[in-house]
Amino acid sequence: MAEKNENQLNIELAEDVAEGVYSNLAIITHSNTEFVLDFIRVMPGIPKAKVKSRIILTPEHAKRLLGALNDNIAKFEAANGNINAQDDPPFPMNFGGPTAQA
């Protein structure tokens, strides 16, 4: 008979949350007590974008998230090759789509 691990956390994932929210821009701000991650979807030719999701973390959880992302990126790159992330410019406001006209 298998022993039950009392430290195991049972996590429920609701169907609407499981669908996820697409984001192609993140803005991170912080205070002395929290980090705020705003996830935004920017569309070509649209000069206005809305925050689609906001996550608020303690500094300790933000550092754990950074470590988990670094670990997962390293594993991804080991399996799939380096991710080509361009730093300059940080984000094109019109990335090749049609421009909106007034």
N, C-alpha and C. Protein backbone atom coordinates (compact mmCIF):
# COMPACT_ATOMS: atom_id res chain seq x y z
N MET A 1 0.85 -1.18 0.00
CA MET A 1 0.00 0.00 0.00
C MET A 1 0.89 1.24 0.00
N ALA A 2 0.60 2.19 -0.86
CA ALA A 2 1.40 3.41 -0.98
C ALA A 2 1.10 4.35 0.17
N GLU A 3 2.16 4.99 0.69
CA GLU A 3 1.98 5.97 1.76
C GLU A 3 1.60 7.31 1.16
N LYS A 4 0.73 8.02 1.85
CA LYS A 4 0.32 9.35 1.41
C LYS A 4 1.34 10.36 1.91
N ASN A 5 1.85 11.19 1.02
CA ASN A 5 2.79 12.24 1.39
C ASN A 5 1.99 13.41 1.96
N GLU A 6 2.15 13.68 3.25
CA GLU A 6 1.38 14.74 3.90
C GLU A 6 1.82 16.13 3.48
N ASN A 7 2.99 16.24 2.84
CA ASN A 7 3.48 17.54 2.36
C ASN A 7 3.02 17.81 0.93
N GLN A 8 2.29 16.87 0.34
CA GLN A 8 1.82 17.03 -1.04
C GLN A 8 0.70 18.05 -1.10
N LEU A 9 0.75 18.93 -2.10
CA LEU A 9 -0.26 19.95 -2.29
C LEU A 9 -1.15 19.55 -3.46
N ASN A 10 -2.43 19.53 -3.23
CA ASN A 10 -3.40 19.21 -4.28
C ASN A 10 -3.82 20.53 -4.93
N ILE A 11 -3.48 20.71 -6.20
CA ILE A 11 -3.76 21.95 -6.91
C ILE A 11 -4.88 21.72 -7.91
N GLU A 12 -5.89 22.56 -7.86
CA GLU A 12 -7.01 22.48 -8.78
C GLU A 12 -6.84 23.55 -9.85
N LEU A 13 -7.04 23.18 -11.10
CA LEU A 13 -6.93 24.11 -12.22
C LEU A 13 -8.29 24.22 -12.90
N ALA A 14 -8.94 25.37 -12.72
CA ALA A 14 -10.25 25.59 -13.33
C ALA A 14 -10.12 25.65 -14.84
N GLU A 15 -11.15 25.24 -15.54
CA GLU A 15 -11.11 25.17 -17.00
C GLU A 15 -10.83 26.53 -17.64
N ASP A 16 -11.46 27.60 -17.14
CA ASP A 16 -11.24 28.92 -17.74
C ASP A 16 -9.81 29.41 -17.49
N VAL A 17 -9.22 29.06 -16.37
CA VAL A 17 -7.84 29.44 -16.08
C VAL A 17 -6.87 28.59 -16.91
N ALA A 18 -7.21 27.33 -17.13
CA ALA A 18 -6.37 26.43 -17.90
C ALA A 18 -6.18 26.90 -19.34
N GLU A 19 -7.13 27.65 -19.87
CA GLU A 19 -7.02 28.17 -21.23
C GLU A 19 -5.86 29.16 -21.35
N GLY A 20 -5.52 29.83 -20.27
CA GLY A 20 -4.42 30.78 -20.28
C GLY A 20 -4.80 32.11 -20.91
N VAL A 21 -3.89 33.06 -20.78
CA VAL A 21 -4.04 34.39 -21.35
C VAL A 21 -2.76 34.71 -22.10
N TYR A 22 -2.87 35.03 -23.40
CA TYR A 22 -1.68 35.35 -24.19
C TYR A 22 -1.17 36.74 -23.83
N SER A 23 0.14 36.84 -23.69
CA SER A 23 0.78 38.12 -23.40
C SER A 23 2.07 38.20 -24.20
N ASN A 24 2.34 39.38 -24.79
CA ASN A 24 3.61 39.57 -25.49
C ASN A 24 4.39 40.75 -24.93
N LEU A 25 3.98 41.21 -23.74
CA LEU A 25 4.71 42.28 -23.05
C LEU A 25 4.44 42.14 -21.56
N ALA A 26 5.48 42.25 -20.76
CA ALA A 26 5.33 42.25 -19.31
C ALA A 26 6.02 43.48 -18.75
N ILE A 27 5.36 44.12 -17.81
CA ILE A 27 5.94 45.26 -17.12
C ILE A 27 6.02 44.89 -15.65
N ILE A 28 7.22 45.04 -15.08
CA ILE A 28 7.45 44.65 -13.70
C ILE A 28 7.80 45.88 -12.89
N THR A 29 7.08 46.08 -11.79
CA THR A 29 7.37 47.17 -10.86
C THR A 29 7.49 46.56 -9.47
N HIS A 30 8.05 47.33 -8.55
CA HIS A 30 8.17 46.80 -7.19
C HIS A 30 8.18 47.93 -6.17
N SER A 31 7.82 47.55 -4.96
CA SER A 31 7.95 48.41 -3.79
C SER A 31 8.85 47.65 -2.82
N ASN A 32 8.96 48.14 -1.61
CA ASN A 32 9.80 47.42 -0.65
C ASN A 32 9.12 46.16 -0.13
N THR A 33 7.83 45.94 -0.43
CA THR A 33 7.13 44.77 0.09
C THR A 33 6.56 43.84 -0.98
N GLU A 34 6.53 44.27 -2.25
CA GLU A 34 5.93 43.42 -3.28
C GLU A 34 6.46 43.72 -4.66
N PHE A 35 6.36 42.70 -5.53
CA PHE A 35 6.64 42.84 -6.95
C PHE A 35 5.31 42.70 -7.68
N VAL A 36 5.08 43.56 -8.67
CA VAL A 36 3.86 43.52 -9.46
C VAL A 36 4.24 43.22 -10.90
N LEU A 37 3.68 42.13 -11.43
CA LEU A 37 3.91 41.73 -12.81
C LEU A 37 2.63 41.96 -13.59
N ASP A 38 2.66 42.89 -14.53
CA ASP A 38 1.52 43.16 -15.41
C ASP A 38 1.80 42.52 -16.76
N PHE A 39 0.89 41.67 -17.21
CA PHE A 39 1.01 41.00 -18.49
C PHE A 39 0.04 41.65 -19.47
N ILE A 40 0.57 42.06 -20.62
CA ILE A 40 -0.15 42.89 -21.58
C ILE A 40 -0.12 42.23 -22.95
N ARG A 41 -1.17 42.42 -23.72
CA ARG A 41 -1.20 41.97 -25.11
C ARG A 41 -1.21 43.20 -26.00
N VAL A 42 -0.13 43.39 -26.76
CA VAL A 42 -0.01 44.50 -27.69
C VAL A 42 -0.33 43.98 -29.08
N MET A 43 -1.21 44.67 -29.80
CA MET A 43 -1.59 44.25 -31.14
C MET A 43 -1.02 45.23 -32.16
N PRO A 44 -0.63 44.73 -33.33
CA PRO A 44 -0.05 45.58 -34.37
C PRO A 44 -0.98 46.72 -34.76
N GLY A 45 -0.43 47.92 -34.84
CA GLY A 45 -1.18 49.07 -35.32
C GLY A 45 -2.19 49.63 -34.33
N ILE A 46 -2.28 49.08 -33.16
CA ILE A 46 -3.23 49.56 -32.14
C ILE A 46 -2.42 50.28 -31.07
N PRO A 47 -2.61 51.58 -30.91
CA PRO A 47 -1.77 52.35 -29.99
C PRO A 47 -2.11 52.17 -28.51
N LYS A 48 -3.17 51.42 -28.22
CA LYS A 48 -3.58 51.23 -26.83
C LYS A 48 -3.60 49.74 -26.52
N ALA A 49 -3.12 49.37 -25.34
CA ALA A 49 -3.12 47.98 -24.93
C ALA A 49 -3.63 47.88 -23.49
N LYS A 50 -4.26 46.77 -23.18
CA LYS A 50 -4.81 46.57 -21.84
C LYS A 50 -3.99 45.53 -21.09
N VAL A 51 -3.89 45.73 -19.78
CA VAL A 51 -3.31 44.71 -18.92
C VAL A 51 -4.30 43.54 -18.89
N LYS A 52 -3.82 42.35 -19.25
CA LYS A 52 -4.68 41.17 -19.29
C LYS A 52 -4.63 40.38 -18.00
N SER A 53 -3.52 40.52 -17.26
CA SER A 53 -3.39 39.80 -16.00
C SER A 53 -2.37 40.51 -15.13
N ARG A 54 -2.61 40.53 -13.82
CA ARG A 54 -1.68 41.14 -12.88
C ARG A 54 -1.41 40.12 -11.77
N ILE A 55 -0.13 39.89 -11.52
CA ILE A 55 0.29 38.99 -10.46
C ILE A 55 1.10 39.80 -9.45
N ILE A 56 0.76 39.68 -8.18
CA ILE A 56 1.47 40.40 -7.12
C ILE A 56 2.18 39.36 -6.25
N LEU A 57 3.49 39.54 -6.08
CA LEU A 57 4.33 38.58 -5.36
C LEU A 57 5.10 39.26 -4.24
N THR A 58 5.40 38.49 -3.20
CA THR A 58 6.35 38.98 -2.19
C THR A 58 7.74 38.94 -2.82
N PRO A 59 8.70 39.69 -2.29
CA PRO A 59 10.06 39.62 -2.83
C PRO A 59 10.63 38.20 -2.82
N GLU A 60 10.34 37.43 -1.77
CA GLU A 60 10.83 36.05 -1.70
C GLU A 60 10.25 35.19 -2.82
N HIS A 61 8.95 35.33 -3.08
CA HIS A 61 8.33 34.56 -4.15
C HIS A 61 8.83 35.02 -5.52
N ALA A 62 9.08 36.32 -5.68
CA ALA A 62 9.61 36.82 -6.95
C ALA A 62 10.98 36.20 -7.23
N LYS A 63 11.80 36.08 -6.19
CA LYS A 63 13.13 35.49 -6.38
C LYS A 63 13.01 33.99 -6.70
N ARG A 64 12.06 33.31 -6.06
CA ARG A 64 11.83 31.89 -6.39
C ARG A 64 11.34 31.74 -7.82
N LEU A 65 10.48 32.66 -8.27
CA LEU A 65 10.00 32.63 -9.65
C LEU A 65 11.15 32.82 -10.62
N LEU A 66 12.03 33.77 -10.32
CA LEU A 66 13.21 34.00 -11.16
C LEU A 66 14.06 32.73 -11.27
N GLY A 67 14.28 32.07 -10.15
CA GLY A 67 15.05 30.83 -10.16
C GLY A 67 14.38 29.74 -10.98
N ALA A 68 13.05 29.61 -10.82
CA ALA A 68 12.31 28.60 -11.57
C ALA A 68 12.33 28.90 -13.07
N LEU A 69 12.20 30.18 -13.44
CA LEU A 69 12.29 30.56 -14.87
C LEU A 69 13.68 30.26 -15.43
N ASN A 70 14.73 30.63 -14.68
CA ASN A 70 16.09 30.34 -15.13
C ASN A 70 16.30 28.84 -15.33
N ASP A 71 15.82 28.03 -14.40
CA ASP A 71 15.95 26.58 -14.49
C ASP A 71 15.21 26.04 -15.71
N ASN A 72 13.98 26.50 -15.92
CA ASN A 72 13.18 26.02 -17.05
C ASN A 72 13.74 26.49 -18.39
N ILE A 73 14.24 27.71 -18.44
CA ILE A 73 14.85 28.20 -19.69
C ILE A 73 16.09 27.39 -20.02
N ALA A 74 16.91 27.09 -19.01
CA ALA A 74 18.11 26.27 -19.24
C ALA A 74 17.73 24.89 -19.78
N LYS A 75 16.69 24.28 -19.22
CA LYS A 75 16.24 22.96 -19.69
C LYS A 75 15.69 23.05 -21.10
N PHE A 76 14.91 24.11 -21.40
CA PHE A 76 14.37 24.30 -22.74
C PHE A 76 15.49 24.45 -23.76
N GLU A 77 16.48 25.31 -23.44
CA GLU A 77 17.58 25.54 -24.37
C GLU A 77 18.45 24.30 -24.55
N ALA A 78 18.59 23.49 -23.52
CA ALA A 78 19.35 22.25 -23.65
C ALA A 78 18.67 21.30 -24.64
N ALA A 79 17.35 21.32 -24.66
CA ALA A 79 16.60 20.44 -25.55
C ALA A 79 16.36 21.03 -26.93
N ASN A 80 16.25 22.38 -27.02
CA ASN A 80 15.81 23.02 -28.27
C ASN A 80 16.77 24.03 -28.85
N GLY A 81 17.88 24.31 -28.21
CA GLY A 81 18.80 25.33 -28.68
C GLY A 81 18.52 26.66 -28.01
N ASN A 82 19.46 27.58 -28.18
CA ASN A 82 19.36 28.90 -27.53
C ASN A 82 18.15 29.69 -28.02
N ILE A 83 17.54 30.39 -27.09
CA ILE A 83 16.45 31.32 -27.42
C ILE A 83 17.09 32.63 -27.84
N ASN A 84 16.72 33.14 -28.99
CA ASN A 84 17.28 34.39 -29.49
C ASN A 84 16.41 35.54 -28.99
N ALA A 85 16.83 36.17 -27.90
CA ALA A 85 16.09 37.30 -27.33
C ALA A 85 16.85 38.58 -27.67
N GLN A 86 16.21 39.44 -28.43
CA GLN A 86 16.83 40.70 -28.81
C GLN A 86 16.56 41.75 -27.74
N ASP A 87 17.61 42.45 -27.33
CA ASP A 87 17.48 43.45 -26.29
C ASP A 87 17.26 44.85 -26.82
N ASP A 88 17.55 45.11 -28.09
CA ASP A 88 17.48 46.47 -28.60
C ASP A 88 16.72 46.49 -29.91
N PRO A 89 15.62 47.16 -30.06
CA PRO A 89 14.88 47.88 -29.04
C PRO A 89 14.12 46.89 -28.15
N PRO A 90 13.71 47.31 -26.95
CA PRO A 90 13.08 46.37 -26.04
C PRO A 90 11.75 45.81 -26.55
N PHE A 91 10.96 46.64 -27.25
CA PHE A 91 9.70 46.14 -27.79
C PHE A 91 9.22 47.08 -28.88
N PRO A 92 9.08 46.57 -30.12
CA PRO A 92 8.57 47.45 -31.18
C PRO A 92 7.08 47.71 -31.01
N MET A 93 6.70 48.96 -31.04
CA MET A 93 5.29 49.28 -30.85
C MET A 93 4.46 48.99 -32.10
N ASN A 94 5.07 48.89 -33.26
CA ASN A 94 4.38 48.45 -34.46
C ASN A 94 5.24 47.35 -35.05
N PHE A 95 4.87 46.10 -34.78
CA PHE A 95 5.73 44.99 -35.19
C PHE A 95 5.26 44.33 -36.46
N GLY A 96 5.11 45.13 -37.51
CA GLY A 96 4.91 44.59 -38.83
C GLY A 96 3.47 44.49 -39.31
N GLY A 97 2.52 44.81 -38.48
CA GLY A 97 1.13 44.71 -38.90
C GLY A 97 0.64 46.01 -39.49
N PRO A 98 -0.61 46.03 -39.90
CA PRO A 98 -1.17 47.27 -40.44
C PRO A 98 -1.28 48.34 -39.36
N THR A 99 -1.18 49.57 -39.77
CA THR A 99 -1.29 50.68 -38.80
C THR A 99 -2.73 51.15 -38.75
N ALA A 100 -3.15 51.54 -37.57
CA ALA A 100 -4.51 52.05 -37.38
C ALA A 100 -4.59 53.46 -37.93
N GLN A 101 -5.71 53.79 -38.53
CA GLN A 101 -5.90 55.13 -39.04
C GLN A 101 -7.07 55.78 -38.31
N ALA A 102 -6.93 57.09 -38.06
CA ALA A 102 -7.97 57.81 -37.31
C ALA A 102 -9.18 58.08 -38.16
